[in-house]
PDB file of N, CA and C in Angstrom:
ATOM      1  N   MET A   1      71.744  44.610 -17.942  1.00  0.00           N
ATOM      2  CA  MET A   1      70.441  44.018 -17.795  1.00  0.00           C
ATOM      3  C   MET A   1      70.311  42.862 -18.768  1.00  0.00           C
ATOM      4  N   GLY A   2      70.555  43.074 -20.035  1.00  0.00           N
ATOM      5  CA  GLY A   2      70.553  41.984 -21.005  1.00  0.00           C
ATOM      6  C   GLY A   2      69.167  41.542 -21.409  1.00  0.00           C
ATOM      7  N   ASN A   3      69.140  40.461 -22.127  1.00  0.00           N
ATOM      8  CA  ASN A   3      67.877  39.897 -22.607  1.00  0.00           C
ATOM      9  C   ASN A   3      67.344  38.911 -21.568  1.00  0.00           C
ATOM     10  N   LEU A   4      66.180  39.187 -21.001  1.00  0.00           N
ATOM     11  CA  LEU A   4      65.634  38.359 -19.934  1.00  0.00           C
ATOM     12  C   LEU A   4      64.999  37.067 -20.447  1.00  0.00           C
ATOM     13  N   PHE A   5      64.691  36.990 -21.737  1.00  0.00           N
ATOM     14  CA  PHE A   5      64.038  35.800 -22.282  1.00  0.00           C
ATOM     15  C   PHE A   5      64.998  34.933 -23.090  1.00  0.00           C
ATOM     16  N   ALA A   6      66.236  34.889 -22.704  1.00  0.00           N
ATOM     17  CA  ALA A   6      67.229  34.076 -23.404  1.00  0.00           C
ATOM     18  C   ALA A   6      67.853  33.084 -22.427  1.00  0.00           C
ATOM     19  N   GLY A   7      68.199  31.919 -22.944  1.00  0.00           N
ATOM     20  CA  GLY A   7      68.938  30.917 -22.183  1.00  0.00           C
ATOM     21  C   GLY A   7      68.278  30.478 -20.897  1.00  0.00           C
ATOM     22  N   PRO A   8      69.023  30.576 -19.791  1.00  0.00           N
ATOM     23  CA  PRO A   8      68.531  30.061 -18.511  1.00  0.00           C
ATOM     24  C   PRO A   8      67.307  30.824 -17.986  1.00  0.00           C
ATOM     25  N   HIS A   9      67.177  32.086 -18.340  1.00  0.00           N
ATOM     26  CA  HIS A   9      66.017  32.857 -17.872  1.00  0.00           C
ATOM     27  C   HIS A   9      64.716  32.262 -18.391  1.00  0.00           C
ATOM     28  N   LEU A  10      64.708  31.857 -19.642  1.00  0.00           N
ATOM     29  CA  LEU A  10      63.513  31.278 -20.239  1.00  0.00           C
ATOM     30  C   LEU A  10      63.166  29.952 -19.570  1.00  0.00           C
ATOM     31  N   TRP A  11      64.170  29.133 -19.272  1.00  0.00           N
ATOM     32  CA  TRP A  11      63.921  27.850 -18.604  1.00  0.00           C
ATOM     33  C   TRP A  11      63.349  28.066 -17.209  1.00  0.00           C
ATOM     34  N   ILE A  12      63.888  29.023 -16.495  1.00  0.00           N
ATOM     35  CA  ILE A  12      63.388  29.312 -15.142  1.00  0.00           C
ATOM     36  C   ILE A  12      61.937  29.805 -15.214  1.00  0.00           C
ATOM     37  N   LEU A  13      61.651  30.658 -16.170  1.00  0.00           N
ATOM     38  CA  LEU A  13      60.297  31.171 -16.341  1.00  0.00           C
ATOM     39  C   LEU A  13      59.315  30.032 -16.661  1.00  0.00           C
ATOM     40  N   LEU A  14      59.689  29.130 -17.536  1.00  0.00           N
ATOM     41  CA  LEU A  14      58.837  27.991 -17.872  1.00  0.00           C
ATOM     42  C   LEU A  14      58.610  27.074 -16.670  1.00  0.00           C
ATOM     43  N   ILE A  15      59.637  26.851 -15.849  1.00  0.00           N
ATOM     44  CA  ILE A  15      59.503  26.006 -14.655  1.00  0.00           C
ATOM     45  C   ILE A  15      58.560  26.658 -13.644  1.00  0.00           C
ATOM     46  N   VAL A  16      58.663  27.971 -13.466  1.00  0.00           N
ATOM     47  CA  VAL A  16      57.790  28.683 -12.534  1.00  0.00           C
ATOM     48  C   VAL A  16      56.336  28.605 -13.014  1.00  0.00           C
ATOM     49  N   ILE A  17      56.110  28.784 -14.313  1.00  0.00           N
ATOM     50  CA  ILE A  17      54.751  28.684 -14.853  1.00  0.00           C
ATOM     51  C   ILE A  17      54.210  27.272 -14.656  1.00  0.00           C
ATOM     52  N   LEU A  18      55.037  26.272 -14.883  1.00  0.00           N
ATOM     53  CA  LEU A  18      54.613  24.889 -14.690  1.00  0.00           C
ATOM     54  C   LEU A  18      54.265  24.612 -13.238  1.00  0.00           C
ATOM     55  N   LEU A  19      55.043  25.157 -12.307  1.00  0.00           N
ATOM     56  CA  LEU A  19      54.761  24.962 -10.884  1.00  0.00           C
ATOM     57  C   LEU A  19      53.488  25.698 -10.452  1.00  0.00           C
ATOM     58  N   LEU A  20      53.266  26.885 -10.996  1.00  0.00           N
ATOM     59  CA  LEU A  20      52.090  27.665 -10.614  1.00  0.00           C
ATOM     60  C   LEU A  20      50.786  27.044 -11.117  1.00  0.00           C
ATOM     61  N   PHE A  21      50.768  26.641 -12.383  1.00  0.00           N
ATOM     62  CA  PHE A  21      49.530  26.176 -12.981  1.00  0.00           C
ATOM     63  C   PHE A  21      49.385  24.664 -12.972  1.00  0.00           C
ATOM     64  N   GLY A  22      50.453  23.941 -12.864  1.00  0.00           N
ATOM     65  CA  GLY A  22      50.394  22.483 -12.896  1.00  0.00           C
ATOM     66  C   GLY A  22      50.338  21.968 -14.324  1.00  0.00           C
ATOM     67  N   ALA A  23      50.842  20.774 -14.516  1.00  0.00           N
ATOM     68  CA  ALA A  23      50.931  20.195 -15.856  1.00  0.00           C
ATOM     69  C   ALA A  23      49.550  19.891 -16.425  1.00  0.00           C
ATOM     70  N   ALA A  24      48.579  19.565 -15.589  1.00  0.00           N
ATOM     71  CA  ALA A  24      47.246  19.199 -16.075  1.00  0.00           C
ATOM     72  C   ALA A  24      46.461  20.417 -16.568  1.00  0.00           C
ATOM     73  N   LYS A  25      46.735  21.579 -16.010  1.00  0.00           N
ATOM     74  CA  LYS A  25      45.962  22.771 -16.380  1.00  0.00           C
ATOM     75  C   LYS A  25      46.547  23.525 -17.564  1.00  0.00           C
ATOM     76  N   LEU A  26      47.769  23.256 -17.947  1.00  0.00           N
ATOM     77  CA  LEU A  26      48.390  24.004 -19.046  1.00  0.00           C
ATOM     78  C   LEU A  26      47.675  23.797 -20.390  1.00  0.00           C
ATOM     79  N   PRO A  27      47.279  22.565 -20.766  1.00  0.00           N
ATOM     80  CA  PRO A  27      46.549  22.445 -22.038  1.00  0.00           C
ATOM     81  C   PRO A  27      45.212  23.198 -22.032  1.00  0.00           C
ATOM     82  N   ALA A  28      44.497  23.169 -20.923  1.00  0.00           N
ATOM     83  CA  ALA A  28      43.231  23.904 -20.836  1.00  0.00           C
ATOM     84  C   ALA A  28      43.469  25.409 -20.917  1.00  0.00           C
ATOM     85  N   LEU A  29      44.541  25.866 -20.286  1.00  0.00           N
ATOM     86  CA  LEU A  29      44.896  27.280 -20.339  1.00  0.00           C
ATOM     87  C   LEU A  29      45.234  27.694 -21.766  1.00  0.00           C
ATOM     88  N   ALA A  30      45.999  26.866 -22.462  1.00  0.00           N
ATOM     89  CA  ALA A  30      46.362  27.177 -23.847  1.00  0.00           C
ATOM     90  C   ALA A  30      45.120  27.166 -24.744  1.00  0.00           C
ATOM     91  N   LYS A  31      44.197  26.222 -24.508  1.00  0.00           N
ATOM     92  CA  LYS A  31      42.971  26.153 -25.302  1.00  0.00           C
ATOM     93  C   LYS A  31      42.118  27.396 -25.100  1.00  0.00           C
ATOM     94  N   SER A  32      41.955  27.824 -23.851  1.00  0.00           N
ATOM     95  CA  SER A  32      41.134  29.012 -23.583  1.00  0.00           C
ATOM     96  C   SER A  32      41.779  30.275 -24.150  1.00  0.00           C
ATOM     97  N   MET A  33      43.104  30.342 -24.114  1.00  0.00           N
ATOM     98  CA  MET A  33      43.793  31.495 -24.717  1.00  0.00           C
ATOM     99  C   MET A  33      43.572  31.518 -26.229  1.00  0.00           C
ATOM    100  N   GLY A  34      43.625  30.341 -26.869  1.00  0.00           N
ATOM    101  CA  GLY A  34      43.386  30.262 -28.311  1.00  0.00           C
ATOM    102  C   GLY A  34      41.965  30.644 -28.674  1.00  0.00           C
ATOM    103  N   GLN A  35      40.993  30.191 -27.878  1.00  0.00           N
ATOM    104  CA  GLN A  35      39.598  30.551 -28.138  1.00  0.00           C
ATOM    105  C   GLN A  35      39.376  32.048 -27.956  1.00  0.00           C
ATOM    106  N   SER A  36      39.989  32.611 -26.937  1.00  0.00           N
ATOM    107  CA  SER A  36      39.854  34.057 -26.705  1.00  0.00           C
ATOM    108  C   SER A  36      40.446  34.842 -27.857  1.00  0.00           C
ATOM    109  N   ALA A  37      41.596  34.415 -28.337  1.00  0.00           N
ATOM    110  CA  ALA A  37      42.230  35.103 -29.463  1.00  0.00           C
ATOM    111  C   ALA A  37      41.369  34.985 -30.716  1.00  0.00           C
ATOM    112  N   ARG A  38      40.756  33.817 -30.943  1.00  0.00           N
ATOM    113  CA  ARG A  38      39.902  33.609 -32.107  1.00  0.00           C
ATOM    114  C   ARG A  38      38.658  34.495 -32.030  1.00  0.00           C
ATOM    115  N   ILE A  39      38.054  34.591 -30.857  1.00  0.00           N
ATOM    116  CA  ILE A  39      36.871  35.439 -30.673  1.00  0.00           C
ATOM    117  C   ILE A  39      37.225  36.907 -30.892  1.00  0.00           C
ATOM    118  N   PHE A  40      38.351  37.325 -30.327  1.00  0.00           N
ATOM    119  CA  PHE A  40      38.799  38.709 -30.486  1.00  0.00           C
ATOM    120  C   PHE A  40      39.029  39.029 -31.960  1.00  0.00           C
ATOM    121  N   LYS A  41      39.661  38.125 -32.673  1.00  0.00           N
ATOM    122  CA  LYS A  41      39.942  38.320 -34.089  1.00  0.00           C
ATOM    123  C   LYS A  41      38.639  38.420 -34.887  1.00  0.00           C
ATOM    124  N   GLY A  42      37.668  37.575 -34.562  1.00  0.00           N
ATOM    125  CA  GLY A  42      36.380  37.620 -35.245  1.00  0.00           C
ATOM    126  C   GLY A  42      35.630  38.910 -34.981  1.00  0.00           C
ATOM    127  N   GLU A  43      35.678  39.382 -33.733  1.00  0.00           N
ATOM    128  CA  GLU A  43      35.005  40.641 -33.393  1.00  0.00           C
ATOM    129  C   GLU A  43      35.661  41.829 -34.086  1.00  0.00           C
ATOM    130  N   MET A  44      36.979  41.809 -34.184  1.00  0.00           N
ATOM    131  CA  MET A  44      37.675  42.897 -34.883  1.00  0.00           C
ATOM    132  C   MET A  44      37.304  42.901 -36.364  1.00  0.00           C
ATOM    133  N   LYS A  45      37.179  41.714 -36.953  1.00  0.00           N
ATOM    134  CA  LYS A  45      36.789  41.610 -38.350  1.00  0.00           C
ATOM    135  C   LYS A  45      35.362  42.116 -38.550  1.00  0.00           C
ATOM    136  N   ALA A  46      34.469  41.781 -37.615  1.00  0.00           N
ATOM    137  CA  ALA A  46      33.082  42.242 -37.690  1.00  0.00           C
ATOM    138  C   ALA A  46      33.003  43.756 -37.554  1.00  0.00           C
ATOM    139  N   MET A  47      33.800  44.320 -36.656  1.00  0.00           N
ATOM    140  CA  MET A  47      33.812  45.777 -36.499  1.00  0.00           C
ATOM    141  C   MET A  47      34.293  46.456 -37.774  1.00  0.00           C
ATOM    142  N   LYS A  48      35.303  45.879 -38.414  1.00  0.00           N
ATOM    143  CA  LYS A  48      35.822  46.450 -39.653  1.00  0.00           C
ATOM    144  C   LYS A  48      34.756  46.375 -40.748  1.00  0.00           C
ATOM    145  N   ASN A  49      34.023  45.255 -40.809  1.00  0.00           N
ATOM    146  CA  ASN A  49      32.950  45.116 -41.798  1.00  0.00           C
ATOM    147  C   ASN A  49      31.822  46.104 -41.516  1.00  0.00           C
ATOM    148  N   ASP A  50      31.496  46.316 -40.231  1.00  0.00           N
ATOM    149  CA  ASP A  50      30.458  47.283 -39.872  1.00  0.00           C
ATOM    150  C   ASP A  50      30.862  48.691 -40.273  1.00  0.00           C
ATOM    151  N   ASP A  51      32.134  49.037 -40.052  1.00  0.00           N
ATOM    152  CA  ASP A  51      32.610  50.366 -40.437  1.00  0.00           C
ATOM    153  C   ASP A  51      32.539  50.546 -41.946  1.00  0.00           C
ATOM    154  N   THR A  52      32.914  49.513 -42.697  1.00  0.00           N
ATOM    155  CA  THR A  52      32.869  49.586 -44.151  1.00  0.00           C
ATOM    156  C   THR A  52      31.434  49.719 -44.630  1.00  0.00           C
ATOM    157  N   ALA A  53      30.526  48.961 -44.017  1.00  0.00           N
ATOM    158  CA  ALA A  53      29.114  49.037 -44.404  1.00  0.00           C
ATOM    159  C   ALA A  53      28.525  50.401 -44.058  1.00  0.00           C
ATOM    160  N   ALA A  54      28.899  50.948 -42.908  1.00  0.00           N
ATOM    161  CA  ALA A  54      28.393  52.259 -42.501  1.00  0.00           C
ATOM    162  C   ALA A  54      28.901  53.350 -43.445  1.00  0.00           C
ATOM    163  N   ASP A  55      30.155  53.252 -43.849  1.00  0.00           N
ATOM    164  CA  ASP A  55      30.706  54.237 -44.778  1.00  0.00           C
ATOM    165  C   ASP A  55      30.009  54.167 -46.131  1.00  0.00           C
ATOM    166  N   SER A  56      29.768  52.950 -46.622  1.00  0.00           N
ATOM    167  CA  SER A  56      29.104  52.824 -47.920  1.00  0.00           C
ATOM    168  C   SER A  56      27.650  53.267 -47.829  1.00  0.00           C
ATOM    169  N   THR A  57      26.993  53.038 -46.692  1.00  0.00           N
ATOM    170  CA  THR A  57      25.614  53.480 -46.506  1.00  0.00           C
ATOM    171  C   THR A  57      25.545  55.001 -46.470  1.00  0.00           C
ATOM    172  N   ALA A  58      26.505  55.627 -45.813  1.00  0.00           N
ATOM    173  CA  ALA A  58      26.521  57.086 -45.716  1.00  0.00           C
ATOM    174  C   ALA A  58      26.733  57.716 -47.094  1.00  0.00           C
ATOM    175  N   THR A  59      27.634  57.158 -47.879  1.00  0.00           N
ATOM    176  CA  THR A  59      27.860  57.725 -49.208  1.00  0.00           C
ATOM    177  C   THR A  59      26.671  57.467 -50.115  1.00  0.00           C
ATOM    178  N   THR A  60      25.991  56.336 -49.957  1.00  0.00           N
ATOM    179  CA  THR A  60      24.797  56.052 -50.749  1.00  0.00           C
ATOM    180  C   THR A  60      23.679  57.012 -50.379  1.00  0.00           C
ATOM    181  N   ALA A  61      23.510  57.284 -49.078  1.00  0.00           N
ATOM    182  CA  ALA A  61      22.468  58.208 -48.632  1.00  0.00           C
ATOM    183  C   ALA A  61      22.746  59.617 -49.140  1.00  0.00           C
ATOM    184  N   GLU A  62      24.004  60.020 -49.159  1.00  0.00           N
ATOM    185  CA  GLU A  62      24.352  61.347 -49.666  1.00  0.00           C
ATOM    186  C   GLU A  62      24.071  61.445 -51.158  1.00  0.00           C
ATOM    187  N   SER A  63      24.348  60.383 -51.896  1.00  0.00           N
ATOM    188  CA  SER A  63      24.109  60.432 -53.339  1.00  0.00           C
ATOM    189  C   SER A  63      22.622  60.401 -53.650  1.00  0.00           C
ATOM    190  N   ARG A  64      21.815  59.749 -52.806  1.00  0.00           N
ATOM    191  CA  ARG A  64      20.367  59.720 -53.022  1.00  0.00           C
ATOM    192  C   ARG A  64      19.717  61.044 -52.644  1.00  0.00           C
ATOM    193  N   ALA A  65      20.331  61.792 -51.740  1.00  0.00           N
ATOM    194  CA  ALA A  65      19.749  63.046 -51.271  1.00  0.00           C
ATOM    195  C   ALA A  65      19.735  64.108 -52.366  1.00  0.00           C
ATOM    196  N   ALA A  66      20.703  64.088 -53.249  1.00  0.00           N
ATOM    197  CA  ALA A  66      20.763  65.083 -54.319  1.00  0.00           C
ATOM    198  C   ALA A  66      20.060  64.539 -55.555  1.00  0.00           C
ATOM    199  N   GLU A  67      19.143  65.314 -56.090  1.00  0.00           N
ATOM    200  CA  GLU A  67      18.440  64.927 -57.308  1.00  0.00           C
ATOM    201  C   GLU A  67      19.269  65.341 -58.509  1.00  0.00           C
ATOM    202  N   PRO A  68      18.967  64.826 -59.687  1.00  0.00           N
ATOM    203  CA  PRO A  68      19.766  65.154 -60.884  1.00  0.00           C
ATOM    204  C   PRO A  68      19.789  66.641 -61.226  1.00  0.00           C
ATOM    205  N   ASN A  69      18.748  67.398 -60.896  1.00  0.00           N
ATOM    206  CA  ASN A  69      18.732  68.817 -61.262  1.00  0.00           C
ATOM    207  C   ASN A  69      19.449  69.692 -60.234  1.00  0.00           C
ATOM    208  N   GLY A  70      20.079  69.082 -59.222  1.00  0.00           N
ATOM    209  CA  GLY A  70      20.857  69.851 -58.265  1.00  0.00           C
ATOM    210  C   GLY A  70      20.130  70.217 -57.000  1.00  0.00           C
ATOM    211  N   THR A  71      18.815  69.991 -56.952  1.00  0.00           N
ATOM    212  CA  THR A  71      18.075  70.300 -55.734  1.00  0.00           C
ATOM    213  C   THR A  71      18.148  69.112 -54.781  1.00  0.00           C
ATOM    214  N   THR A  72      17.868  69.352 -53.553  1.00  0.00           N
ATOM    215  CA  THR A  72      17.895  68.266 -52.576  1.00  0.00           C
ATOM    216  C   THR A  72      16.514  67.697 -52.391  1.00  0.00           C
ATOM    217  N   ASN A  73      16.447  66.469 -51.973  1.00  0.00           N
ATOM    218  CA  ASN A  73      15.188  65.776 -51.764  1.00  0.00           C
ATOM    219  C   ASN A  73      14.741  66.013 -50.330  1.00  0.00           C
ATOM    220  N   ASN A  74      13.696  66.794 -50.125  1.00  0.00           N
ATOM    221  CA  ASN A  74      13.214  67.147 -48.793  1.00  0.00           C
ATOM    222  C   ASN A  74      11.864  66.511 -48.514  1.00  0.00           C
ATOM    223  N   THR A  75      11.710  65.238 -48.779  1.00  0.00           N
ATOM    224  CA  THR A  75      10.419  64.593 -48.555  1.00  0.00           C
ATOM    225  C   THR A  75      10.108  64.499 -47.072  1.00  0.00           C
ATOM    226  N   ALA A  76      11.110  64.361 -46.230  1.00  0.00           N
ATOM    227  CA  ALA A  76      10.868  64.261 -44.787  1.00  0.00           C
ATOM    228  C   ALA A  76      10.356  65.588 -44.238  1.00  0.00           C
ATOM    229  N   ALA A  77      10.818  66.710 -44.790  1.00  0.00           N
ATOM    230  CA  ALA A  77      10.386  68.016 -44.296  1.00  0.00           C
ATOM    231  C   ALA A  77       8.962  68.335 -44.741  1.00  0.00           C
ATOM    232  N   SER A  78       8.530  67.819 -45.895  1.00  0.00           N
ATOM    233  CA  SER A  78       7.203  68.145 -46.379  1.00  0.00           C
ATOM    234  C   SER A  78       6.137  67.192 -45.857  1.00  0.00           C
ATOM    235  N   THR A  79       6.524  66.068 -45.272  1.00  0.00           N
ATOM    236  CA  THR A  79       5.561  65.097 -44.754  1.00  0.00           C
ATOM    237  C   THR A  79       5.215  65.451 -43.320  1.00  0.00           C
ATOM    238  N   PRO A  80       3.923  65.686 -42.991  1.00  0.00           N
ATOM    239  CA  PRO A  80       3.569  66.025 -41.613  1.00  0.00           C
ATOM    240  C   PRO A  80       3.705  64.794 -40.702  1.00  0.00           C
ATOM    241  N   VAL A  81       4.099  65.049 -39.482  1.00  0.00           N
ATOM    242  CA  VAL A  81       4.272  63.993 -38.505  1.00  0.00           C
ATOM    243  C   VAL A  81       3.166  64.114 -37.475  1.00  0.00           C
ATOM    244  N   VAL A  82       2.390  63.053 -37.276  1.00  0.00           N
ATOM    245  CA  VAL A  82       1.312  63.036 -36.307  1.00  0.00           C
ATOM    246  C   VAL A  82       1.700  62.061 -35.216  1.00  0.00           C
ATOM    247  N   LYS A  83       1.785  62.546 -33.990  1.00  0.00           N
ATOM    248  CA  LYS A  83       2.125  61.679 -32.868  1.00  0.00           C
ATOM    249  C   LYS A  83       0.891  60.893 -32.456  1.00  0.00           C
ATOM    250  N   SER A  84       1.109  59.665 -32.009  1.00  0.00           N
ATOM    251  CA  SER A  84      -0.032  58.806 -31.699  1.00  0.00           C
ATOM    252  C   SER A  84      -0.783  59.274 -30.456  1.00  0.00           C
ATOM    253  N   GLY A  85      -0.154  59.979 -29.539  1.00  0.00           N
ATOM    254  CA  GLY A  85      -0.807  60.436 -28.326  1.00  0.00           C
ATOM    255  C   GLY A  85      -1.614  61.703 -28.507  1.00  0.00           C
ATOM    256  N   GLU A  86      -1.373  62.423 -29.586  1.00  0.00           N
ATOM    257  CA  GLU A  86      -2.065  63.688 -29.807  1.00  0.00           C
ATOM    258  C   GLU A  86      -3.259  63.470 -30.728  1.00  0.00           C
ATOM    259  N   PRO A  87      -4.409  64.134 -30.447  1.00  0.00           N
ATOM    260  CA  PRO A  87      -5.556  64.006 -31.353  1.00  0.00           C
ATOM    261  C   PRO A  87      -5.294  64.781 -32.629  1.00  0.00           C
ATOM    262  N   LYS A  88      -5.889  64.332 -33.700  1.00  0.00           N
ATOM    263  CA  LYS A  88      -5.754  65.029 -34.977  1.00  0.00           C
ATOM    264  C   LYS A  88      -6.548  66.328 -34.919  1.00  0.00           C
ATOM    265  N   SER A  89      -6.172  67.281 -35.741  1.00  0.00           N
ATOM    266  CA  SER A  89      -6.858  68.571 -35.719  1.00  0.00           C
ATOM    267  C   SER A  89      -8.314  68.396 -36.142  1.00  0.00           C
ATOM    268  N   GLY A  90      -9.217  69.035 -35.407  1.00  0.00           N
ATOM    269  CA  GLY A  90     -10.627  68.966 -35.722  1.00  0.00           C
ATOM    270  C   GLY A  90     -11.333  67.802 -35.050  1.00  0.00           C
ATOM    271  N   SER A  91     -10.586  66.897 -34.398  1.00  0.00           N
ATOM    272  CA  SER A  91     -11.258  65.755 -33.764  1.00  0.00           C
ATOM    273  C   SER A  91     -11.286  65.883 -32.247  1.00  0.00           C
ATOM    274  N   ASP A  92     -10.886  67.029 -31.705  1.00  0.00           N
ATOM    275  CA  ASP A  92     -10.879  67.224 -30.254  1.00  0.00           C
ATOM    276  C   ASP A  92     -12.269  67.724 -29.822  1.00  0.00           C
ATOM    277  N   PRO A  93     -13.024  66.931 -29.055  1.00  0.00           N
ATOM    278  CA  PRO A  93     -14.376  67.347 -28.664  1.00  0.00           C
ATOM    279  C   PRO A  93     -14.402  68.473 -27.662  1.00  0.00           C
ATOM    280  N   SER A  94     -13.317  68.762 -26.981  1.00  0.00           N
ATOM    281  CA  SER A  94     -13.319  69.824 -25.969  1.00  0.00           C
ATOM    282  C   SER A  94     -13.223  71.205 -26.601  1.00  0.00           C
ATOM    283  N   GLN A  95     -12.852  71.277 -27.855  1.00  0.00           N
ATOM    284  CA  GLN A  95     -12.734  72.565 -28.520  1.00  0.00           C
ATOM    285  C   GLN A  95     -14.002  72.844 -29.330  1.00  0.00           C
ATOM    286  N   PRO A  96     -14.460  74.105 -29.346  1.00  0.00           N
ATOM    287  CA  PRO A  96     -15.719  74.443 -30.049  1.00  0.00           C
ATOM    288  C   PRO A  96     -15.571  74.385 -31.546  1.00  0.00           C
TER     289      PRO A  96
END
């Protein structure tokens, strides 16, 4: 079988690509491939930064949850939640 991308095989492949796409379209094709690669690289970098930020946020939240005396901070559990659609207790006129 051998190496398909050596010597005459590579020349034949380049000639076929030139015939398929034409000489005028090859620079535009190369430009769009470069832009796509640049966008992909930027998105991968952004994803890596997001993962790093999420990890640091999670460790910061865990460290804030524990107080110095060893107890946990349960402010969310002690704060009552009132939904906007529900009337507050004692303000419902239908109840005696």
